[in-house]
PDB file of N, CA and C in Angstrom:
ATOM      1  N   UNK A   1      -2.539  89.932 -12.925  1.00  0.00           N
ATOM      2  CA  UNK A   1      -1.250  90.489 -13.210  1.00  0.00           C
ATOM      3  C   UNK A   1      -0.263  90.010 -12.153  1.00  0.00           C
ATOM      4  N   UNK A   2       0.942  89.722 -12.568  1.00  0.00           N
ATOM      5  CA  UNK A   2       1.976  89.295 -11.633  1.00  0.00           C
ATOM      6  C   UNK A   2       2.391  90.468 -10.763  1.00  0.00           C
ATOM      7  N   UNK A   3       2.643  90.198  -9.531  1.00  0.00           N
ATOM      8  CA  UNK A   3       2.980  91.259  -8.581  1.00  0.00           C
ATOM      9  C   UNK A   3       4.469  91.563  -8.636  1.00  0.00           C
ATOM     10  N   UNK A   4       4.809  92.826  -8.858  1.00  0.00           N
ATOM     11  CA  UNK A   4       6.224  93.188  -8.937  1.00  0.00           C
ATOM     12  C   UNK A   4       6.925  93.050  -7.594  1.00  0.00           C
ATOM     13  N   UNK A   5       6.185  93.106  -6.482  1.00  0.00           N
ATOM     14  CA  UNK A   5       6.848  92.951  -5.185  1.00  0.00           C
ATOM     15  C   UNK A   5       7.413  91.544  -5.046  1.00  0.00           C
ATOM     16  N   UNK A   6       6.865  90.583  -5.765  1.00  0.00           N
ATOM     17  CA  UNK A   6       7.404  89.220  -5.714  1.00  0.00           C
ATOM     18  C   UNK A   6       8.814  89.174  -6.280  1.00  0.00           C
ATOM     19  N   UNK A   7       9.132  90.051  -7.194  1.00  0.00           N
ATOM     20  CA  UNK A   7      10.480  90.107  -7.741  1.00  0.00           C
ATOM     21  C   UNK A   7      11.430  90.936  -6.905  1.00  0.00           C
ATOM     22  N   UNK A   8      10.929  92.027  -6.337  1.00  0.00           N
ATOM     23  CA  UNK A   8      11.799  92.901  -5.544  1.00  0.00           C
ATOM     24  C   UNK A   8      12.284  92.211  -4.284  1.00  0.00           C
ATOM     25  N   UNK A   9      11.433  91.476  -3.628  1.00  0.00           N
ATOM     26  CA  UNK A   9      11.820  90.854  -2.358  1.00  0.00           C
ATOM     27  C   UNK A   9      12.986  89.888  -2.514  1.00  0.00           C
ATOM     28  N   UNK A  10      12.893  88.886  -3.395  1.00  0.00           N
ATOM     29  CA  UNK A  10      14.046  87.976  -3.507  1.00  0.00           C
ATOM     30  C   UNK A  10      15.266  88.674  -4.087  1.00  0.00           C
ATOM     31  N   UNK A  11      15.064  89.629  -4.987  1.00  0.00           N
ATOM     32  CA  UNK A  11      16.200  90.352  -5.559  1.00  0.00           C
ATOM     33  C   UNK A  11      16.973  91.116  -4.503  1.00  0.00           C
ATOM     34  N   UNK A  12      16.260  91.853  -3.665  1.00  0.00           N
ATOM     35  CA  UNK A  12      16.910  92.606  -2.597  1.00  0.00           C
ATOM     36  C   UNK A  12      17.548  91.697  -1.565  1.00  0.00           C
ATOM     37  N   UNK A  13      16.859  90.618  -1.230  1.00  0.00           N
ATOM     38  CA  UNK A  13      17.401  89.661  -0.249  1.00  0.00           C
ATOM     39  C   UNK A  13      18.706  89.057  -0.764  1.00  0.00           C
ATOM     40  N   UNK A  14      18.699  88.575  -1.998  1.00  0.00           N
ATOM     41  CA  UNK A  14      19.890  87.933  -2.549  1.00  0.00           C
ATOM     42  C   UNK A  14      21.071  88.896  -2.594  1.00  0.00           C
ATOM     43  N   UNK A  15      20.800  90.149  -2.978  1.00  0.00           N
ATOM     44  CA  UNK A  15      21.877  91.145  -3.026  1.00  0.00           C
ATOM     45  C   UNK A  15      22.381  91.451  -1.617  1.00  0.00           C
ATOM     46  N   UNK A  16      21.461  91.747  -0.689  1.00  0.00           N
ATOM     47  CA  UNK A  16      21.851  92.150   0.660  1.00  0.00           C
ATOM     48  C   UNK A  16      22.550  91.029   1.427  1.00  0.00           C
ATOM     49  N   UNK A  17      22.175  89.775   1.159  1.00  0.00           N
ATOM     50  CA  UNK A  17      22.790  88.637   1.829  1.00  0.00           C
ATOM     51  C   UNK A  17      24.106  88.217   1.167  1.00  0.00           C
ATOM     52  N   UNK A  18      24.464  88.859   0.056  1.00  0.00           N
ATOM     53  CA  UNK A  18      25.702  88.523  -0.639  1.00  0.00           C
ATOM     54  C   UNK A  18      25.634  87.194  -1.376  1.00  0.00           C
ATOM     55  N   UNK A  19      24.422  86.753  -1.728  1.00  0.00           N
ATOM     56  CA  UNK A  19      24.249  85.463  -2.386  1.00  0.00           C
ATOM     57  C   UNK A  19      24.328  85.538  -3.905  1.00  0.00           C
ATOM     58  N   UNK A  20      24.477  86.745  -4.438  1.00  0.00           N
ATOM     59  CA  UNK A  20      24.733  86.901  -5.860  1.00  0.00           C
ATOM     60  C   UNK A  20      25.636  88.098  -6.052  1.00  0.00           C
ATOM     61  N   UNK A  21      26.296  88.146  -7.178  1.00  0.00           N
ATOM     62  CA  UNK A  21      27.186  89.248  -7.500  1.00  0.00           C
ATOM     63  C   UNK A  21      26.408  90.262  -8.318  1.00  0.00           C
ATOM     64  N   UNK A  22      26.123  91.413  -7.732  1.00  0.00           N
ATOM     65  CA  UNK A  22      25.407  92.478  -8.433  1.00  0.00           C
ATOM     66  C   UNK A  22      26.408  93.293  -9.239  1.00  0.00           C
ATOM     67  N   UNK A  23      26.011  93.800 -10.393  1.00  0.00           N
ATOM     68  CA  UNK A  23      24.663  93.745 -10.963  1.00  0.00           C
ATOM     69  C   UNK A  23      24.339  92.354 -11.512  1.00  0.00           C
ATOM     70  N   UNK A  24      23.058  92.026 -11.467  1.00  0.00           N
ATOM     71  CA  UNK A  24      22.610  90.710 -11.922  1.00  0.00           C
ATOM     72  C   UNK A  24      21.190  90.803 -12.474  1.00  0.00           C
ATOM     73  N   UNK A  25      20.790  89.760 -13.199  1.00  0.00           N
ATOM     74  CA  UNK A  25      19.424  89.629 -13.712  1.00  0.00           C
ATOM     75  C   UNK A  25      18.903  88.255 -13.350  1.00  0.00           C
ATOM     76  N   UNK A  26      17.631  88.206 -12.943  1.00  0.00           N
ATOM     77  CA  UNK A  26      16.963  86.941 -12.641  1.00  0.00           C
ATOM     78  C   UNK A  26      15.688  86.847 -13.461  1.00  0.00           C
ATOM     79  N   UNK A  27      15.298  85.634 -13.787  1.00  0.00           N
ATOM     80  CA  UNK A  27      13.993  85.384 -14.388  1.00  0.00           C
ATOM     81  C   UNK A  27      13.207  84.514 -13.424  1.00  0.00           C
ATOM     82  N   UNK A  28      12.022  84.981 -13.044  1.00  0.00           N
ATOM     83  CA  UNK A  28      11.146  84.235 -12.149  1.00  0.00           C
ATOM     84  C   UNK A  28       9.925  83.806 -12.942  1.00  0.00           C
ATOM     85  N   UNK A  29       9.683  82.514 -12.995  1.00  0.00           N
ATOM     86  CA  UNK A  29       8.488  81.979 -13.664  1.00  0.00           C
ATOM     87  C   UNK A  29       7.559  81.451 -12.593  1.00  0.00           C
ATOM     88  N   UNK A  30       6.285  81.793 -12.718  1.00  0.00           N
ATOM     89  CA  UNK A  30       5.316  81.369 -11.708  1.00  0.00           C
ATOM     90  C   UNK A  30       3.965  81.132 -12.356  1.00  0.00           C
ATOM     91  N   UNK A  31       3.112  80.389 -11.674  1.00  0.00           N
ATOM     92  CA  UNK A  31       1.729  80.203 -12.090  1.00  0.00           C
ATOM     93  C   UNK A  31       1.477  79.146 -13.149  1.00  0.00           C
ATOM     94  N   UNK A  32       2.489  78.466 -13.626  1.00  0.00           N
ATOM     95  CA  UNK A  32       2.297  77.485 -14.701  1.00  0.00           C
ATOM     96  C   UNK A  32       1.386  76.341 -14.278  1.00  0.00           C
ATOM     97  N   UNK A  33       1.574  75.844 -13.055  1.00  0.00           N
ATOM     98  CA  UNK A  33       0.768  74.714 -12.580  1.00  0.00           C
ATOM     99  C   UNK A  33      -0.707  75.078 -12.460  1.00  0.00           C
ATOM    100  N   UNK A  34      -0.999  76.366 -12.316  1.00  0.00           N
ATOM    101  CA  UNK A  34      -2.381  76.827 -12.176  1.00  0.00           C
ATOM    102  C   UNK A  34      -2.985  77.267 -13.502  1.00  0.00           C
ATOM    103  N   UNK A  35      -2.207  77.169 -14.580  1.00  0.00           N
ATOM    104  CA  UNK A  35      -2.697  77.598 -15.886  1.00  0.00           C
ATOM    105  C   UNK A  35      -2.684  79.103 -16.073  1.00  0.00           C
ATOM    106  N   UNK A  36      -1.974  79.836 -15.227  1.00  0.00           N
ATOM    107  CA  UNK A  36      -1.859  81.293 -15.298  1.00  0.00           C
ATOM    108  C   UNK A  36      -0.383  81.688 -15.266  1.00  0.00           C
ATOM    109  N   UNK A  37       0.360  81.302 -16.290  1.00  0.00           N
ATOM    110  CA  UNK A  37       1.798  81.547 -16.261  1.00  0.00           C
ATOM    111  C   UNK A  37       2.150  83.030 -16.375  1.00  0.00           C
ATOM    112  N   UNK A  38       3.193  83.394 -15.671  1.00  0.00           N
ATOM    113  CA  UNK A  38       3.759  84.730 -15.799  1.00  0.00           C
ATOM    114  C   UNK A  38       5.267  84.611 -15.672  1.00  0.00           C
ATOM    115  N   UNK A  39       5.929  85.623 -16.186  1.00  0.00           N
ATOM    116  CA  UNK A  39       7.386  85.643 -16.134  1.00  0.00           C
ATOM    117  C   UNK A  39       7.815  87.028 -15.691  1.00  0.00           C
ATOM    118  N   UNK A  40       8.653  87.099 -14.672  1.00  0.00           N
ATOM    119  CA  UNK A  40       9.174  88.357 -14.165  1.00  0.00           C
ATOM    120  C   UNK A  40      10.666  88.426 -14.451  1.00  0.00           C
ATOM    121  N   UNK A  41      11.105  89.552 -14.963  1.00  0.00           N
ATOM    122  CA  UNK A  41      12.526  89.814 -15.196  1.00  0.00           C
ATOM    123  C   UNK A  41      12.966  90.782 -14.109  1.00  0.00           C
ATOM    124  N   UNK A  42      13.939  90.391 -13.307  1.00  0.00           N
ATOM    125  CA  UNK A  42      14.385  91.183 -12.165  1.00  0.00           C
ATOM    126  C   UNK A  42      15.802  91.673 -12.430  1.00  0.00           C
ATOM    127  N   UNK A  43      15.993  92.993 -12.407  1.00  0.00           N
ATOM    128  CA  UNK A  43      17.315  93.594 -12.558  1.00  0.00           C
ATOM    129  C   UNK A  43      17.776  94.062 -11.191  1.00  0.00           C
ATOM    130  N   UNK A  44      18.950  93.596 -10.784  1.00  0.00           N
ATOM    131  CA  UNK A  44      19.482  93.883  -9.459  1.00  0.00           C
ATOM    132  C   UNK A  44      20.783  94.667  -9.623  1.00  0.00           C
ATOM    133  N   UNK A  45      20.738  95.987  -9.403  1.00  0.00           N
ATOM    134  CA  UNK A  45      21.961  96.777  -9.494  1.00  0.00           C
ATOM    135  C   UNK A  45      22.826  96.599  -8.237  1.00  0.00           C
ATOM    136  N   UNK A  46      24.052  97.054  -8.298  1.00  0.00           N
ATOM    137  CA  UNK A  46      24.937  96.952  -7.139  1.00  0.00           C
ATOM    138  C   UNK A  46      24.413  97.800  -5.973  1.00  0.00           C
ATOM    139  N   UNK A  47      23.725  98.886  -6.279  1.00  0.00           N
ATOM    140  CA  UNK A  47      23.132  99.748  -5.248  1.00  0.00           C
ATOM    141  C   UNK A  47      21.854 100.343  -5.811  1.00  0.00           C
ATOM    142  N   UNK A  48      20.949 100.710  -4.939  1.00  0.00           N
ATOM    143  CA  UNK A  48      19.713 101.345  -5.386  1.00  0.00           C
ATOM    144  C   UNK A  48      18.589 100.349  -5.567  1.00  0.00           C
ATOM    145  N   UNK A  49      17.522 100.805  -6.219  1.00  0.00           N
ATOM    146  CA  UNK A  49      16.297 100.041  -6.335  1.00  0.00           C
ATOM    147  C   UNK A  49      16.361  98.861  -7.286  1.00  0.00           C
ATOM    148  N   UNK A  50      15.549  97.871  -6.996  1.00  0.00           N
ATOM    149  CA  UNK A  50      15.396  96.679  -7.821  1.00  0.00           C
ATOM    150  C   UNK A  50      14.335  96.993  -8.880  1.00  0.00           C
ATOM    151  N   UNK A  51      14.593  96.620 -10.136  1.00  0.00           N
ATOM    152  CA  UNK A  51      13.624  96.830 -11.225  1.00  0.00           C
ATOM    153  C   UNK A  51      12.996  95.507 -11.614  1.00  0.00           C
ATOM    154  N   UNK A  52      11.673  95.511 -11.777  1.00  0.00           N
ATOM    155  CA  UNK A  52      10.954  94.312 -12.144  1.00  0.00           C
ATOM    156  C   UNK A  52      10.041  94.627 -13.323  1.00  0.00           C
ATOM    157  N   UNK A  53      10.068  93.758 -14.329  1.00  0.00           N
ATOM    158  CA  UNK A  53       9.182  93.874 -15.484  1.00  0.00           C
ATOM    159  C   UNK A  53       8.747  92.462 -15.852  1.00  0.00           C
ATOM    160  N   UNK A  54       7.659  92.350 -16.614  1.00  0.00           N
ATOM    161  CA  UNK A  54       7.280  91.012 -17.005  1.00  0.00           C
ATOM    162  C   UNK A  54       5.939  90.936 -17.686  1.00  0.00           C
ATOM    163  N   UNK A  55       5.479  89.701 -17.816  1.00  0.00           N
ATOM    164  CA  UNK A  55       4.216  89.410 -18.498  1.00  0.00           C
ATOM    165  C   UNK A  55       3.315  88.612 -17.577  1.00  0.00           C
ATOM    166  N   UNK A  56       2.049  88.620 -17.915  1.00  0.00           N
ATOM    167  CA  UNK A  56       1.079  87.840 -17.143  1.00  0.00           C
ATOM    168  C   UNK A  56      -0.063  87.446 -18.070  1.00  0.00           C
ATOM    169  N   UNK A  57      -0.861  86.495 -17.631  1.00  0.00           N
ATOM    170  CA  UNK A  57      -2.034  86.065 -18.382  1.00  0.00           C
ATOM    171  C   UNK A  57      -3.212  86.925 -17.945  1.00  0.00           C
ATOM    172  N   UNK A  58      -3.937  87.475 -18.905  1.00  0.00           N
ATOM    173  CA  UNK A  58      -5.102  88.277 -18.588  1.00  0.00           C
ATOM    174  C   UNK A  58      -6.199  87.404 -17.998  1.00  0.00           C
ATOM    175  N   UNK A  59      -6.826  87.848 -16.940  1.00  0.00           N
ATOM    176  CA  UNK A  59      -7.907  87.103 -16.284  1.00  0.00           C
ATOM    177  C   UNK A  59      -9.248  87.505 -16.864  1.00  0.00           C
TER     178      UNK A  59
END
């Protein structure tokens, strides 16, 4: 399963560093080269917690 902390960290960093205009949404794709693709959808509000949802390949 894809780790939701992988989405929260860059989402919070980008917001706190002023590198994106919140609210925003990001899509993170990972694991394709290893044959275990997953996709994380990251919602970044102007304030408060980062929300992460997504899919993963069952092991």
